[in-house]
Amino acid sequence: WDYQPHLKESDKNNNKRKTIAALTDAPPRTTINFNTMDTISSSTMNPLASGAKGYELLETAHPVYSQAKMAAVDGEGVDTYNVAVELGLNGPSVNLVRETSQGKRSVVVSVPSTDGIPYMHSFGLSANYAVIVLQPLPLDPSPDRLMELGFLRAMSHVDQTRILVVELTSGDVVLDKHIDEKVYFYHS
């Protein structure tokens, strides 16, 4: 098995090293030295280019590599996509986030969440589209509920599932549909 991770070379104090990022459903990202597995840094918030001053509350634990090589880096780099829930002044939004091989993050599209704070563990990605299924498990973010019940039990059940399909190049939402069926899954 020849695992080739999405490596990024850092050049701090002229010491080149290959790094990878460790992710969970929560937004902190830990940067790890690929060769030694030492922790280099940890963050509590991910910077986004949405222009909003929101807080990135959740992101999927499973970013997906693009199936298309990026011409911006001579066809050698591959962008990584992930889905994040951002809390902002106008309420929660679902962001499709692109990260380049150089570590630059940008929001492809931001879609307001009219159903509260959605939960999603993973999502689908083709060469042209991202398919995001917002499971019927909105999160109640009140500190009392989270502290008393924990993350999983602070979710409630609703009777519908929302499906978003986003065109990767333009960021256009080509499908935004609620279906009257509960769809639960953890890996696409």
Protein backbone atom coordinates (compact mmCIF):
# COMPACT_ATOMS: atom_id res chain seq x y z
CA TRP A 1 0.00 0.00 0.00
CA ASP A 2 1.62 3.22 -1.16
CA TYR A 3 -0.22 5.99 0.68
CA GLN A 4 0.43 9.42 -0.79
CA PRO A 5 -1.14 11.92 1.61
CA HIS A 6 -2.10 15.47 0.70
CA LEU A 7 1.25 16.87 1.88
CA LYS A 8 2.19 20.48 2.25
CA GLU A 9 5.78 21.64 2.54
CA SER A 10 6.43 24.31 5.13
CA ASP A 11 9.54 26.44 5.12
CA LYS A 12 9.72 27.87 8.62
CA ASN A 13 13.26 29.04 9.44
CA ASN A 14 14.56 27.37 6.25
CA ASN A 15 13.73 23.91 7.63
CA LYS A 16 11.70 22.19 4.91
CA ARG A 17 9.33 19.56 6.23
CA LYS A 18 6.28 17.77 4.91
CA THR A 19 3.13 18.28 6.90
CA ILE A 20 -0.38 16.85 6.98
CA ALA A 21 -3.52 18.07 8.76
CA ALA A 22 -5.52 15.91 11.17
CA LEU A 23 -9.27 16.58 11.15
CA THR A 24 -12.36 15.62 13.13
CA ASP A 25 -16.00 16.75 13.02
CA ALA A 26 -14.98 19.77 15.09
CA PRO A 27 -13.03 22.56 13.40
CA PRO A 28 -9.66 22.37 15.17
CA ARG A 29 -6.99 21.31 12.71
CA THR A 30 -3.76 19.86 13.97
CA THR A 31 -0.72 20.13 11.70
CA ILE A 32 1.55 17.11 11.98
CA ASN A 33 5.08 16.46 10.74
CA PHE A 34 4.59 13.60 8.26
CA ASN A 35 7.95 11.95 8.97
CA THR A 36 8.04 12.16 12.77
CA MET A 37 4.29 12.47 13.55
CA ASP A 38 5.15 15.34 15.94
CA THR A 39 2.46 17.97 16.44
CA ILE A 40 3.54 21.23 14.84
CA SER A 41 0.50 23.37 15.61
CA SER A 42 -3.16 23.23 16.47
CA SER A 43 -5.88 25.74 15.70
CA THR A 44 -9.31 26.31 17.16
CA MET A 45 -10.73 28.12 14.17
CA ASN A 46 -10.26 27.85 10.44
CA PRO A 47 -9.85 31.05 8.45
CA LEU A 48 -12.34 31.28 5.62
CA ALA A 49 -12.47 33.72 2.74
CA SER A 50 -16.25 34.18 2.91
CA GLY A 51 -15.87 37.75 4.16
CA ALA A 52 -18.21 36.95 7.04
CA LYS A 53 -16.94 37.10 10.56
CA GLY A 54 -18.58 33.86 11.55
CA TYR A 55 -17.31 30.93 13.56
CA GLU A 56 -16.76 27.58 11.87
CA LEU A 57 -18.61 25.23 14.21
CA LEU A 58 -18.48 21.89 12.39
CA GLU A 59 -16.87 20.34 9.36
CA THR A 60 -16.95 16.84 8.00
CA ALA A 61 -14.24 14.48 9.15
CA HIS A 62 -13.78 13.34 5.57
CA PRO A 63 -12.46 15.92 3.11
CA VAL A 64 -12.40 14.67 -0.46
CA TYR A 65 -9.70 15.16 -3.08
CA SER A 66 -10.84 16.64 -6.37
CA GLN A 67 -10.94 14.24 -9.29
CA ALA A 68 -9.56 16.96 -11.57
CA LYS A 69 -5.97 18.17 -11.65
CA MET A 70 -5.69 21.91 -11.14
CA ALA A 71 -4.11 23.88 -13.96
CA ALA A 72 -3.12 26.61 -11.50
CA VAL A 73 -0.28 24.41 -10.29
CA ASP A 74 0.77 22.97 -13.65
CA GLY A 75 -1.58 20.02 -13.39
CA GLU A 76 0.30 18.65 -10.40
CA GLY A 77 -1.79 19.88 -7.48
CA VAL A 78 -5.13 18.54 -6.41
CA ASP A 79 -7.65 20.62 -4.52
CA THR A 80 -9.33 19.22 -1.44
CA TYR A 81 -12.98 19.95 -0.67
CA ASN A 82 -14.84 19.83 2.62
CA VAL A 83 -18.18 20.99 3.97
CA ALA A 84 -18.37 23.22 7.03
CA VAL A 85 -21.14 24.77 9.09
CA GLU A 86 -20.42 28.40 9.89
CA LEU A 87 -22.28 30.39 12.52
CA GLY A 88 -22.66 34.02 11.49
CA LEU A 89 -24.75 37.08 12.27
CA ASN A 90 -27.42 35.90 9.82
CA GLY A 91 -27.64 32.41 11.29
CA PRO A 92 -25.93 29.18 10.30
CA SER A 93 -24.75 28.50 6.78
CA VAL A 94 -23.39 25.45 4.99
CA ASN A 95 -20.10 26.21 3.23
CA LEU A 96 -18.41 24.14 0.56
CA VAL A 97 -14.73 24.86 1.19
CA ARG A 98 -11.85 24.35 -1.28
CA GLU A 99 -8.27 24.00 -0.05
CA THR A 100 -5.40 24.15 -2.52
CA SER A 101 -2.23 22.07 -2.35
CA GLN A 102 -0.58 25.19 -0.91
CA GLY A 103 -3.06 25.30 2.01
CA LYS A 104 -5.11 28.30 0.86
CA ARG A 105 -8.78 27.92 1.86
CA SER A 106 -11.72 29.57 0.14
CA VAL A 107 -15.47 29.20 0.19
CA VAL A 108 -16.92 27.88 -3.10
CA VAL A 109 -20.48 28.60 -1.98
CA SER A 110 -22.25 29.48 1.23
CA VAL A 111 -25.88 28.34 1.57
CA PRO A 112 -28.05 29.58 4.46
CA SER A 113 -29.38 26.79 6.64
CA THR A 114 -33.07 27.45 7.21
CA ASP A 115 -33.44 24.30 9.32
CA GLY A 116 -31.08 25.17 12.17
CA ILE A 117 -27.53 23.87 12.56
CA PRO A 118 -27.29 20.81 10.31
CA TYR A 119 -25.14 17.75 10.83
CA MET A 120 -23.26 15.91 8.11
CA HIS A 121 -20.41 13.46 8.54
CA SER A 122 -19.32 13.15 4.93
CA PHE A 123 -20.37 14.18 1.43
CA GLY A 124 -20.00 13.09 -2.17
CA LEU A 125 -17.75 14.60 -4.81
CA SER A 126 -17.51 13.92 -8.54
CA ALA A 127 -15.27 15.68 -11.05
CA ASN A 128 -17.89 18.43 -11.44
CA TYR A 129 -20.27 18.38 -8.46
CA ALA A 130 -20.44 18.15 -4.69
CA VAL A 131 -23.46 16.36 -3.22
CA ILE A 132 -24.22 17.44 0.33
CA VAL A 133 -26.89 15.65 2.36
CA LEU A 134 -27.95 17.56 5.46
CA GLN A 135 -29.09 14.77 7.72
CA PRO A 136 -32.32 15.21 9.72
CA LEU A 137 -30.31 15.85 12.89
CA PRO A 138 -30.13 19.58 13.65
CA LEU A 139 -27.91 20.47 16.60
CA ASP A 140 -29.15 22.52 19.53
CA PRO A 141 -26.11 24.72 20.31
CA SER A 142 -27.32 26.03 23.66
CA PRO A 143 -24.48 25.58 26.17
CA ASP A 144 -26.80 24.06 28.78
CA ARG A 145 -27.98 21.35 26.39
CA LEU A 146 -24.51 20.64 25.00
CA MET A 147 -22.89 20.49 28.45
CA GLU A 148 -25.64 18.38 29.98
CA LEU A 149 -26.28 15.96 27.14
CA GLY A 150 -23.15 16.05 24.99
CA PHE A 151 -22.86 16.55 21.24
CA LEU A 152 -24.84 13.54 20.03
CA ARG A 153 -27.76 13.92 22.42
CA ALA A 154 -28.01 17.66 21.75
CA MET A 155 -29.34 16.78 18.30
CA SER A 156 -33.03 16.55 17.53
CA HIS A 157 -34.81 14.65 14.77
CA VAL A 158 -36.80 16.33 12.00
CA ASP A 159 -38.97 14.66 9.38
CA GLN A 160 -37.10 15.72 6.26
CA THR A 161 -33.67 15.61 4.66
CA ARG A 162 -32.15 18.44 2.62
CA ILE A 163 -30.00 17.66 -0.41
CA LEU A 164 -27.70 20.22 -2.03
CA VAL A 165 -25.81 19.73 -5.29
CA VAL A 166 -23.12 22.32 -6.08
CA GLU A 167 -21.27 22.80 -9.37
CA LEU A 168 -17.60 23.02 -8.37
CA THR A 169 -16.31 25.49 -10.97
CA SER A 170 -19.04 28.13 -10.69
CA GLY A 171 -20.24 27.47 -7.14
CA ASP A 172 -23.83 27.40 -8.43
CA VAL A 173 -26.32 25.42 -6.38
CA VAL A 174 -27.98 23.30 -9.07
CA LEU A 175 -30.23 21.42 -6.64
CA ASP A 176 -31.59 22.44 -3.25
CA LYS A 177 -34.33 20.03 -2.30
CA HIS A 178 -36.06 18.87 0.87
CA ILE A 179 -37.37 15.31 0.75
CA ASP A 180 -39.93 13.84 3.15
CA GLU A 181 -37.68 10.97 4.08
CA LYS A 182 -35.09 10.64 6.80
CA VAL A 183 -31.71 9.78 5.26
CA TYR A 184 -28.86 8.92 7.63
CA PHE A 185 -25.35 7.90 6.61
CA TYR A 186 -21.78 8.34 7.75
CA HIS A 187 -19.65 7.65 4.71
CA SER A 188 -20.40 8.40 1.07
